[in-house]
Amino acid sequence: MLKKPLDQLQLLPTSNDRRDRAGQSLPERMNFGLNALIKALLFRRWYVLGAVAALAAAIYYGPTLLLGPQVVADVAVRGDFIQTIVASGHIEAPFRVDIGTQVTGVVVNVPVKEGQIVKTGEPLIVLDGREIQATVVQAEGVVSQNEARLRQIQTVTLPSAEQTLKEMQATLLNAQSLSGRVMRLKSSGFATQAALDDATKALNIAQSQVRSAELQVASNRPGGSDYVIAQTQVDQAHAALATAKSRLDYTTVVAPRDGTLISRAVEIGSVAQPGKVLMTLSPAGETQIVVQIDEKSLGLVAVGQAALVSADAYSKQTFPAKVIFVNPAIDLQRAAVEVKLQAPDPPSYLRQDMTVSVDIEVARRPKALVLPSGSLRDVAGGKPWVLAVVAGRATKQSVQVGIVSAGKAEIIAGLEAGAITIPANNAVIKEGQRVRANVAKAAAP
């Protein structure tokens, strides 16, 4: 067996080899023929490779040369088109309640934490109320004392005065009778002037005692001076007691309404004083979203427009809201307008001052012809046009544009549904040039 390749074999003539007429031996002729065959095959291989390369180039570049380059295109479609204004803002309640104390005292307990939801009447801060409790006990004693004095007038003084009046009236009747008899005896000469004077004096004393008794009775009856004084003292004692109890109640600060505590600035051992804000309560219920929109969009926003809100912390969840206020004043520093929205059914995860994003629906066009706004050209010049693909060529077409929002534009005139356009960022394609639109990769409207 041969151990070398055929092209490495050396066919040398021998003395016994037969030679042809040209003087070549058979091995020499075989070597020559083999070399010729190899050269022919090498020549044909490069020829075949060249032909294949030419064919591949024709297949690859042929459509581009004949039909134009392939480009990504946009498609005009019909559908409901909603124009929105996107803004960012934060959550806040319509108002906040600052909570403090009405009496000075040392804080002995704070049973709530910041961020806790509280109910109306729930204790928030407890002060040391021992001194005020002593005042309450003292006031209760004064009330009891004055009520006893009033009862004494009603049950003792008044009946005694009425009894005294009856006795004085009886004494007066006797004095009147005696005075009459003495006057008759004096006129008959049977009584002296001294006896008449004594009878008259007794009558006058009896009359004076009756008047005094009547005044005493009137003074101790309801409406009389002594009764009114006693009743007034009772009322004043009750008022002092109510004041002391109110101050005692003030030692426990309670939630004025349902809500969430959004701040706390008090700890056990602190000295609470009137006028100092110790906690801030965000009332439960109505929730507002406050956003800032660009001044240029002021004419598009109106009260009553619907919106969709999402919190940055819960970006996959949305909830509805409605515009309730558009501030007529403009912030000169930011060239923005404050807009407030109301969420009728806010989600439970909302927190005060939470950052949110808002999409305000300012216009709606049902069954509008919509095209990606990236295909519009010369919009700023006031004469918008598009480079449409018509019969395989890039064709300039003027269009009339309606509302533009979120990368989409409403085409009022100039295009039909299904029209294919070339995005404006493609500066290679020129008007009249052949193109092949890649509709499959067209941006969805």
Protein backbone atom coordinates (compact mmCIF):
# COMPACT_ATOMS: atom_id res chain seq x y z
CA MET A 1 0.00 0.00 0.00
CA LEU A 2 1.13 3.54 -0.71
CA LYS A 3 2.09 5.51 2.38
CA LYS A 4 2.43 8.90 0.58
CA PRO A 5 -0.16 11.01 -1.21
CA LEU A 6 -0.38 10.62 -4.90
CA ASP A 7 0.95 14.16 -5.57
CA GLN A 8 4.07 13.37 -3.54
CA LEU A 9 5.00 10.17 -5.43
CA GLN A 10 7.99 10.34 -7.74
CA LEU A 11 7.62 8.21 -10.86
CA LEU A 12 11.16 7.75 -12.07
CA PRO A 13 12.03 5.80 -15.25
CA THR A 14 13.99 2.59 -14.99
CA SER A 15 16.16 0.83 -17.40
CA ASN A 16 13.50 -1.78 -18.01
CA ASP A 17 10.68 0.73 -18.79
CA ARG A 18 9.39 0.88 -22.33
CA ARG A 19 9.45 4.34 -23.92
CA ASP A 20 7.01 5.77 -26.40
CA ARG A 21 7.96 7.43 -29.68
CA ALA A 22 8.56 10.72 -27.86
CA GLY A 23 10.99 9.09 -25.55
CA GLN A 24 8.61 9.13 -22.48
CA SER A 25 8.02 6.17 -20.39
CA LEU A 26 4.59 5.13 -19.19
CA PRO A 27 5.03 6.43 -15.63
CA GLU A 28 6.11 9.78 -16.97
CA ARG A 29 3.00 10.06 -19.11
CA MET A 30 0.79 9.10 -16.13
CA ASN A 31 2.40 11.79 -13.92
CA PHE A 32 1.90 14.41 -16.60
CA GLY A 33 -1.76 13.53 -17.07
CA LEU A 34 -2.47 13.61 -13.37
CA ASN A 35 -0.98 17.08 -12.97
CA ALA A 36 -3.04 18.38 -15.84
CA LEU A 37 -6.22 16.97 -14.35
CA ILE A 38 -5.53 18.64 -10.98
CA LYS A 39 -4.94 22.01 -12.64
CA ALA A 40 -8.18 21.72 -14.59
CA LEU A 41 -10.19 20.92 -11.43
CA LEU A 42 -8.64 23.86 -9.54
CA PHE A 43 -9.53 26.24 -12.36
CA ARG A 44 -13.12 25.05 -12.52
CA ARG A 45 -13.52 25.32 -8.70
CA TRP A 46 -12.77 29.03 -8.67
CA TYR A 47 -15.10 29.45 -11.61
CA VAL A 48 -17.93 27.73 -9.71
CA LEU A 49 -17.29 29.73 -6.57
CA GLY A 50 -17.40 32.95 -8.52
CA ALA A 51 -20.67 31.95 -10.12
CA VAL A 52 -22.21 31.10 -6.75
CA ALA A 53 -21.07 34.43 -5.28
CA ALA A 54 -22.52 36.32 -8.21
CA LEU A 55 -25.83 34.51 -7.83
CA ALA A 56 -25.94 35.24 -4.07
CA ALA A 57 -25.23 38.92 -4.69
CA ALA A 58 -27.99 39.05 -7.25
CA ILE A 59 -30.44 37.43 -4.85
CA TYR A 60 -29.46 39.75 -1.96
CA TYR A 61 -29.13 43.06 -3.78
CA GLY A 62 -31.54 42.40 -6.59
CA PRO A 63 -34.80 43.29 -4.76
CA THR A 64 -33.19 46.40 -3.30
CA LEU A 65 -32.01 47.55 -6.75
CA LEU A 66 -35.30 46.70 -8.41
CA LEU A 67 -37.89 47.33 -5.64
CA GLY A 68 -36.02 49.70 -3.28
CA PRO A 69 -34.75 49.31 0.31
CA GLN A 70 -36.81 47.71 3.04
CA VAL A 71 -37.99 50.16 5.75
CA VAL A 72 -40.01 49.96 8.94
CA ALA A 73 -43.36 51.66 8.40
CA ASP A 74 -46.32 53.01 10.37
CA VAL A 75 -49.92 52.11 9.61
CA ALA A 76 -52.96 54.37 9.97
CA VAL A 77 -55.82 52.54 11.70
CA ARG A 78 -59.25 53.46 12.97
CA GLY A 79 -60.18 53.27 16.62
CA ASP A 80 -61.27 55.26 19.67
CA PHE A 81 -58.65 57.93 20.33
CA ILE A 82 -58.35 59.50 23.77
CA GLN A 83 -56.24 62.57 24.39
CA THR A 84 -54.76 62.72 27.87
CA ILE A 85 -52.58 65.03 29.89
CA VAL A 86 -50.05 63.26 32.07
CA ALA A 87 -49.07 64.95 35.32
CA SER A 88 -47.53 64.01 38.63
CA GLY A 89 -48.62 65.08 42.08
CA HIS A 90 -49.36 63.83 45.57
CA ILE A 91 -52.17 62.66 47.83
CA GLU A 92 -53.61 64.97 50.44
CA ALA A 93 -56.80 65.32 52.47
CA PRO A 94 -59.05 68.36 51.91
CA PHE A 95 -57.87 69.56 55.31
CA ARG A 96 -55.80 68.39 58.27
CA VAL A 97 -56.57 68.60 61.97
CA ASP A 98 -53.85 69.85 64.32
CA ILE A 99 -54.25 68.25 67.74
CA GLY A 100 -53.05 69.85 70.98
CA THR A 101 -54.05 70.20 74.62
CA GLN A 102 -56.12 72.87 76.36
CA VAL A 103 -54.42 72.45 79.73
CA THR A 104 -50.81 72.29 80.83
CA GLY A 105 -49.65 68.96 82.15
CA VAL A 106 -47.08 66.21 82.07
CA VAL A 107 -47.72 63.48 79.48
CA VAL A 108 -48.13 60.11 81.19
CA ASN A 109 -49.26 58.01 78.20
CA VAL A 110 -49.35 58.15 74.38
CA PRO A 111 -51.32 55.05 73.31
CA VAL A 112 -51.11 55.66 69.54
CA LYS A 113 -48.36 55.66 66.93
CA GLU A 114 -47.68 57.71 63.84
CA GLY A 115 -49.55 56.31 60.84
CA GLN A 116 -52.18 54.60 62.99
CA ILE A 117 -55.85 54.74 62.00
CA VAL A 118 -57.99 56.07 64.87
CA LYS A 119 -61.70 56.39 65.55
CA THR A 120 -63.66 59.31 66.97
CA GLY A 121 -63.21 59.54 70.75
CA GLU A 122 -60.19 57.23 70.87
CA PRO A 123 -57.58 58.41 73.45
CA LEU A 124 -54.48 59.92 71.88
CA ILE A 125 -52.62 61.64 74.76
CA VAL A 126 -53.08 61.28 78.53
CA LEU A 127 -51.83 63.98 80.96
CA ASP A 128 -51.29 63.86 84.72
CA GLY A 129 -54.65 65.07 86.11
CA ARG A 130 -54.28 64.60 89.87
CA GLU A 131 -54.29 68.33 90.63
CA ILE A 132 -57.33 68.92 88.48
CA GLN A 133 -59.04 65.93 90.09
CA ALA A 134 -58.61 67.63 93.49
CA THR A 135 -60.23 70.75 92.05
CA VAL A 136 -63.18 68.64 90.94
CA VAL A 137 -63.61 67.22 94.45
CA GLN A 138 -63.49 70.71 95.94
CA ALA A 139 -66.07 71.97 93.45
CA GLU A 140 -68.35 69.05 94.25
CA GLY A 141 -68.17 70.04 97.95
CA VAL A 142 -69.18 73.62 97.16
CA VAL A 143 -72.11 72.35 95.11
CA SER A 144 -73.30 70.15 97.98
CA GLN A 145 -72.99 73.04 100.44
CA ASN A 146 -75.03 75.47 98.33
CA GLU A 147 -77.64 72.87 97.48
CA ALA A 148 -78.05 72.20 101.22
CA ARG A 149 -78.54 75.91 101.86
CA LEU A 150 -81.21 76.05 99.18
CA ARG A 151 -82.95 73.01 100.60
CA GLN A 152 -82.85 74.66 104.06
CA ILE A 153 -84.68 77.67 102.67
CA GLN A 154 -87.26 75.45 101.02
CA THR A 155 -87.87 73.10 103.97
CA VAL A 156 -87.06 75.15 107.09
CA THR A 157 -86.77 78.89 106.62
CA LEU A 158 -89.84 79.35 104.41
CA PRO A 159 -92.23 77.24 106.55
CA SER A 160 -90.96 78.97 109.68
CA ALA A 161 -91.54 82.41 108.14
CA GLU A 162 -95.04 81.38 107.06
CA GLN A 163 -95.83 80.22 110.59
CA THR A 164 -94.48 83.44 112.05
CA LEU A 165 -96.68 85.39 109.63
CA LYS A 166 -99.75 83.53 110.83
CA GLU A 167 -98.89 84.30 114.45
CA MET A 168 -98.30 87.98 113.69
CA GLN A 169 -101.61 88.14 111.84
CA ALA A 170 -103.40 86.68 114.89
CA THR A 171 -101.62 89.16 117.17
CA LEU A 172 -102.71 91.96 114.86
CA LEU A 173 -106.33 90.87 115.08
CA ASN A 174 -106.16 90.94 118.89
CA ALA A 175 -104.53 94.36 118.88
CA GLN A 176 -107.16 95.72 116.52
CA SER A 177 -109.97 94.32 118.73
CA LEU A 178 -108.41 95.72 121.92
CA SER A 179 -107.84 99.11 120.36
CA GLY A 180 -111.52 99.29 119.32
CA ARG A 181 -112.79 98.45 122.79
CA VAL A 182 -110.52 100.98 124.48
CA MET A 183 -111.61 103.71 122.03
CA ARG A 184 -115.28 102.98 122.85
CA LEU A 185 -114.61 103.00 126.58
CA LYS A 186 -112.68 106.24 126.28
CA SER A 187 -115.55 107.89 124.46
CA SER A 188 -117.92 106.71 127.28
CA GLY A 189 -115.55 107.98 129.98
CA PHE A 190 -114.71 104.56 131.33
CA ALA A 191 -111.09 104.43 130.06
CA THR A 192 -108.26 106.77 130.40
CA GLN A 193 -106.14 108.30 127.73
CA ALA A 194 -103.18 106.22 128.86
CA ALA A 195 -105.12 103.03 128.25
CA LEU A 196 -106.00 104.24 124.74
CA ASP A 197 -102.37 105.09 124.02
CA ASP A 198 -101.22 101.63 125.12
CA ALA A 199 -103.84 99.97 122.91
CA THR A 200 -102.83 102.09 119.91
CA LYS A 201 -99.16 101.28 120.48
CA ALA A 202 -99.87 97.56 120.64
CA LEU A 203 -101.81 97.81 117.37
CA ASN A 204 -98.96 99.56 115.60
CA ILE A 205 -96.44 96.95 116.80
CA ALA A 206 -98.67 94.12 115.62
CA GLN A 207 -99.05 95.71 112.18
CA SER A 208 -95.25 96.14 111.91
CA GLN A 209 -94.64 92.53 112.87
CA VAL A 210 -97.10 91.32 110.24
CA ARG A 211 -95.37 93.35 107.53
CA SER A 212 -91.97 91.97 108.63
CA ALA A 213 -93.29 88.41 108.56
CA GLU A 214 -94.78 88.95 105.09
CA LEU A 215 -91.43 90.21 103.81
CA GLN A 216 -89.67 87.19 105.31
CA VAL A 217 -92.06 84.82 103.64
CA ALA A 218 -91.80 86.59 100.28
CA SER A 219 -87.99 86.58 100.47
CA ASN A 220 -87.81 82.81 101.04
CA ARG A 221 -90.33 81.83 98.40
CA PRO A 222 -89.14 81.01 94.81
CA GLY A 223 -88.37 84.32 93.15
CA GLY A 224 -87.62 86.01 96.45
CA SER A 225 -84.27 87.60 97.16
CA ASP A 226 -82.97 84.99 99.62
CA TYR A 227 -84.16 82.15 97.39
CA VAL A 228 -82.62 83.69 94.29
CA ILE A 229 -79.30 84.23 96.07
CA ALA A 230 -79.25 80.63 97.23
CA GLN A 231 -80.23 79.35 93.79
CA THR A 232 -77.55 81.50 92.15
CA GLN A 233 -74.91 80.13 94.49
CA VAL A 234 -76.00 76.61 93.58
CA ASP A 235 -75.79 77.42 89.86
CA GLN A 236 -72.35 78.98 90.27
CA ALA A 237 -71.15 75.94 92.19
CA HIS A 238 -72.42 73.67 89.42
CA ALA A 239 -70.65 75.82 86.82
CA ALA A 240 -67.41 75.64 88.76
CA LEU A 241 -67.80 71.88 89.01
CA ALA A 242 -68.46 71.58 85.26
CA THR A 243 -65.37 73.68 84.56
CA ALA A 244 -63.25 71.49 86.80
CA LYS A 245 -64.61 68.34 85.17
CA SER A 246 -63.96 69.78 81.72
CA ARG A 247 -60.37 70.52 82.66
CA LEU A 248 -60.13 66.98 83.96
CA ASP A 249 -61.49 65.71 80.65
CA TYR A 250 -58.90 67.81 78.83
CA THR A 251 -56.19 65.73 80.47
CA THR A 252 -57.17 62.98 78.04
CA VAL A 253 -56.88 64.18 74.42
CA VAL A 254 -59.14 62.16 72.13
CA ALA A 255 -59.50 61.92 68.35
CA PRO A 256 -62.03 64.53 67.15
CA ARG A 257 -62.95 62.35 64.14
CA ASP A 258 -61.97 59.22 62.25
CA GLY A 259 -58.68 59.49 60.42
CA THR A 260 -54.99 58.64 60.23
CA LEU A 261 -52.28 60.17 62.39
CA ILE A 262 -49.69 61.49 59.97
CA SER A 263 -47.40 63.11 62.54
CA ARG A 264 -46.65 62.86 66.27
CA ALA A 265 -44.51 65.29 68.26
CA VAL A 266 -45.05 64.19 71.85
CA GLU A 267 -43.60 61.53 74.13
CA ILE A 268 -44.18 60.32 77.69
CA GLY A 269 -42.68 62.78 80.16
CA SER A 270 -43.07 65.80 77.90
CA VAL A 271 -44.79 68.91 79.26
CA ALA A 272 -47.76 69.66 77.05
CA GLN A 273 -48.90 73.25 76.80
CA PRO A 274 -51.86 74.91 75.09
CA GLY A 275 -51.13 76.26 71.63
CA LYS A 276 -48.54 73.63 70.73
CA VAL A 277 -49.34 71.10 67.98
CA LEU A 278 -48.74 67.61 69.36
CA MET A 279 -50.24 65.52 66.54
CA THR A 280 -51.68 65.98 63.06
CA LEU A 281 -54.71 63.99 61.94
CA SER A 282 -55.70 63.36 58.35
CA PRO A 283 -59.50 62.87 58.37
CA ALA A 284 -60.86 59.71 56.79
CA GLY A 285 -63.19 59.83 53.81
CA GLU A 286 -62.69 62.15 50.89
CA THR A 287 -59.26 61.99 49.25
CA GLN A 288 -57.80 64.61 46.94
CA ILE A 289 -55.01 64.41 44.40
CA VAL A 290 -53.09 67.63 43.78
CA VAL A 291 -51.08 67.85 40.54
CA GLN A 292 -49.27 70.53 38.57
CA ILE A 293 -49.92 70.74 34.82
CA ASP A 294 -48.06 72.79 32.25
CA GLU A 295 -49.47 76.25 31.61
CA LYS A 296 -49.84 75.41 27.91
CA SER A 297 -52.41 72.73 28.76
CA LEU A 298 -54.63 75.05 30.83
CA GLY A 299 -57.17 75.43 28.02
CA LEU A 300 -57.65 71.65 27.80
CA VAL A 301 -58.45 70.96 31.45
CA ALA A 302 -61.93 71.51 32.89
CA VAL A 303 -63.85 70.57 36.02
CA GLY A 304 -65.63 67.24 35.71
CA GLN A 305 -63.09 65.52 33.44
CA ALA A 306 -62.30 61.91 34.25
CA ALA A 307 -58.81 60.72 35.09
CA LEU A 308 -56.91 57.57 35.91
CA VAL A 309 -54.49 57.63 38.85
CA SER A 310 -51.64 55.30 39.80
CA ALA A 311 -49.37 55.55 42.82
CA ASP A 312 -45.65 55.28 42.13
CA ALA A 313 -45.38 52.68 44.88
CA TYR A 314 -48.17 50.60 43.28
CA SER A 315 -47.64 51.38 39.60
CA LYS A 316 -49.59 48.34 38.34
CA GLN A 317 -52.77 49.39 40.15
CA THR A 318 -54.98 52.27 39.04
CA PHE A 319 -58.13 53.93 40.34
CA PRO A 320 -60.51 56.53 38.88
CA ALA A 321 -60.69 60.19 39.83
CA LYS A 322 -62.42 63.38 38.68
CA VAL A 323 -61.22 66.96 38.28
CA ILE A 324 -62.92 69.14 40.91
CA PHE A 325 -60.81 72.30 40.88
CA VAL A 326 -58.59 74.19 38.45
CA ASN A 327 -56.68 77.01 40.09
CA PRO A 328 -57.17 80.25 38.13
CA ALA A 329 -53.76 81.49 39.29
CA ILE A 330 -50.53 80.43 37.59
CA ASP A 331 -47.29 79.61 39.37
CA LEU A 332 -44.80 81.96 37.72
CA GLN A 333 -41.79 80.05 39.01
CA ARG A 334 -42.82 76.77 37.40
CA ALA A 335 -45.20 78.05 34.69
CA ALA A 336 -47.70 75.52 35.98
CA VAL A 337 -51.31 75.40 37.15
CA GLU A 338 -52.55 73.54 40.22
CA VAL A 339 -55.33 71.03 39.55
CA LYS A 340 -57.18 69.06 42.23
CA LEU A 341 -58.91 65.75 41.63
CA GLN A 342 -61.25 63.77 43.84
CA ALA A 343 -61.12 59.99 44.25
CA PRO A 344 -64.62 58.83 45.29
CA ASP A 345 -63.44 55.33 46.23
CA PRO A 346 -59.72 55.55 47.07
CA PRO A 347 -57.78 52.30 47.61
CA SER A 348 -56.69 51.42 51.11
CA TYR A 349 -52.98 51.62 50.32
CA LEU A 350 -53.03 55.38 49.76
CA ARG A 351 -51.06 57.45 52.24
CA GLN A 352 -50.77 61.18 52.81
CA ASP A 353 -48.23 62.91 50.54
CA MET A 354 -47.82 59.74 48.44
CA THR A 355 -46.54 60.50 44.92
CA VAL A 356 -48.95 59.64 42.11
CA SER A 357 -49.19 59.90 38.32
CA VAL A 358 -52.41 61.12 36.72
CA ASP A 359 -53.76 60.74 33.17
CA ILE A 360 -56.50 63.33 32.67
CA GLU A 361 -58.82 62.61 29.74
CA VAL A 362 -59.29 65.95 27.97
CA ALA A 363 -60.72 64.73 24.62
CA ARG A 364 -62.19 61.58 23.08
CA ARG A 365 -62.60 60.79 19.37
CA PRO A 366 -64.60 57.64 18.59
CA LYS A 367 -63.55 55.74 15.43
CA ALA A 368 -60.84 58.24 14.60
CA LEU A 369 -58.06 57.61 12.05
CA VAL A 370 -54.95 57.32 14.19
CA LEU A 371 -51.32 57.42 13.09
CA PRO A 372 -48.13 57.43 15.16
CA SER A 373 -47.10 61.07 15.49
CA GLY A 374 -43.55 60.09 14.56
CA SER A 375 -44.63 59.91 10.90
CA LEU A 376 -45.71 63.57 10.80
CA ARG A 377 -43.35 66.07 9.18
CA ASP A 378 -43.24 69.86 9.30
CA VAL A 379 -45.87 70.04 12.03
CA ALA A 380 -44.31 73.17 13.51
CA GLY A 381 -44.52 74.88 10.11
CA GLY A 382 -48.27 74.59 10.07
CA LYS A 383 -48.40 72.42 6.94
CA PRO A 384 -47.98 68.84 8.14
CA TRP A 385 -47.34 66.07 5.61
CA VAL A 386 -46.31 62.44 5.58
CA LEU A 387 -44.19 60.27 3.31
CA ALA A 388 -46.66 57.56 2.36
CA VAL A 389 -45.89 54.34 0.50
CA VAL A 390 -48.06 54.32 -2.63
CA ALA A 391 -47.54 51.63 -5.29
CA GLY A 392 -44.12 50.86 -3.88
CA ARG A 393 -42.85 54.44 -3.95
CA ALA A 394 -42.40 57.08 -1.26
CA THR A 395 -45.04 59.73 -1.94
CA LYS A 396 -45.48 63.07 -0.21
CA GLN A 397 -49.04 63.64 1.03
CA SER A 398 -50.40 66.63 2.96
CA VAL A 399 -52.55 65.78 5.96
CA GLN A 400 -54.85 67.59 8.35
CA VAL A 401 -54.05 66.78 11.99
CA GLY A 402 -56.49 66.82 14.90
CA ILE A 403 -55.53 66.08 18.48
CA VAL A 404 -52.09 64.72 19.33
CA SER A 405 -51.40 62.75 22.48
CA ALA A 406 -49.11 60.03 23.82
CA GLY A 407 -47.22 59.55 20.57
CA LYS A 408 -50.40 59.34 18.47
CA ALA A 409 -52.07 61.78 16.14
CA GLU A 410 -55.59 62.06 14.80
CA ILE A 411 -55.64 62.36 11.00
CA ILE A 412 -58.69 64.30 9.91
CA ALA A 413 -57.94 64.38 6.16
CA GLY A 414 -55.24 63.27 3.74
CA LEU A 415 -55.05 59.55 4.52
CA GLU A 416 -57.29 56.51 4.54
CA ALA A 417 -57.38 53.60 6.95
CA GLY A 418 -54.57 51.18 6.20
CA ALA A 419 -52.28 53.85 4.74
CA ILE A 420 -48.60 53.08 5.21
CA THR A 421 -46.20 55.88 6.11
CA ILE A 422 -42.47 56.18 6.70
CA PRO A 423 -41.38 57.63 10.08
CA ALA A 424 -39.90 61.11 9.95
CA ASN A 425 -36.68 59.94 11.62
CA ASN A 426 -35.83 58.00 8.45
CA ALA A 427 -33.89 60.67 6.54
CA VAL A 428 -32.49 58.22 3.96
CA ILE A 429 -35.68 57.67 1.99
CA LYS A 430 -36.50 60.46 -0.44
CA GLU A 431 -39.71 61.38 -2.19
CA GLY A 432 -40.32 59.23 -5.28
CA GLN A 433 -37.86 56.53 -4.24
CA ARG A 434 -38.89 52.89 -4.45
CA VAL A 435 -39.29 51.31 -1.03
CA ARG A 436 -40.51 48.09 0.52
CA ALA A 437 -42.55 48.75 3.66
CA ASN A 438 -42.06 46.33 6.52
CA VAL A 439 -45.64 46.50 7.77
CA ALA A 440 -45.15 43.61 10.17
CA LYS A 441 -42.81 45.78 12.25
CA ALA A 442 -45.01 48.84 12.10
CA ALA A 443 -45.65 50.54 15.44
CA ALA A 444 -49.09 49.86 16.86
CA PRO A 445 -51.25 53.02 16.94
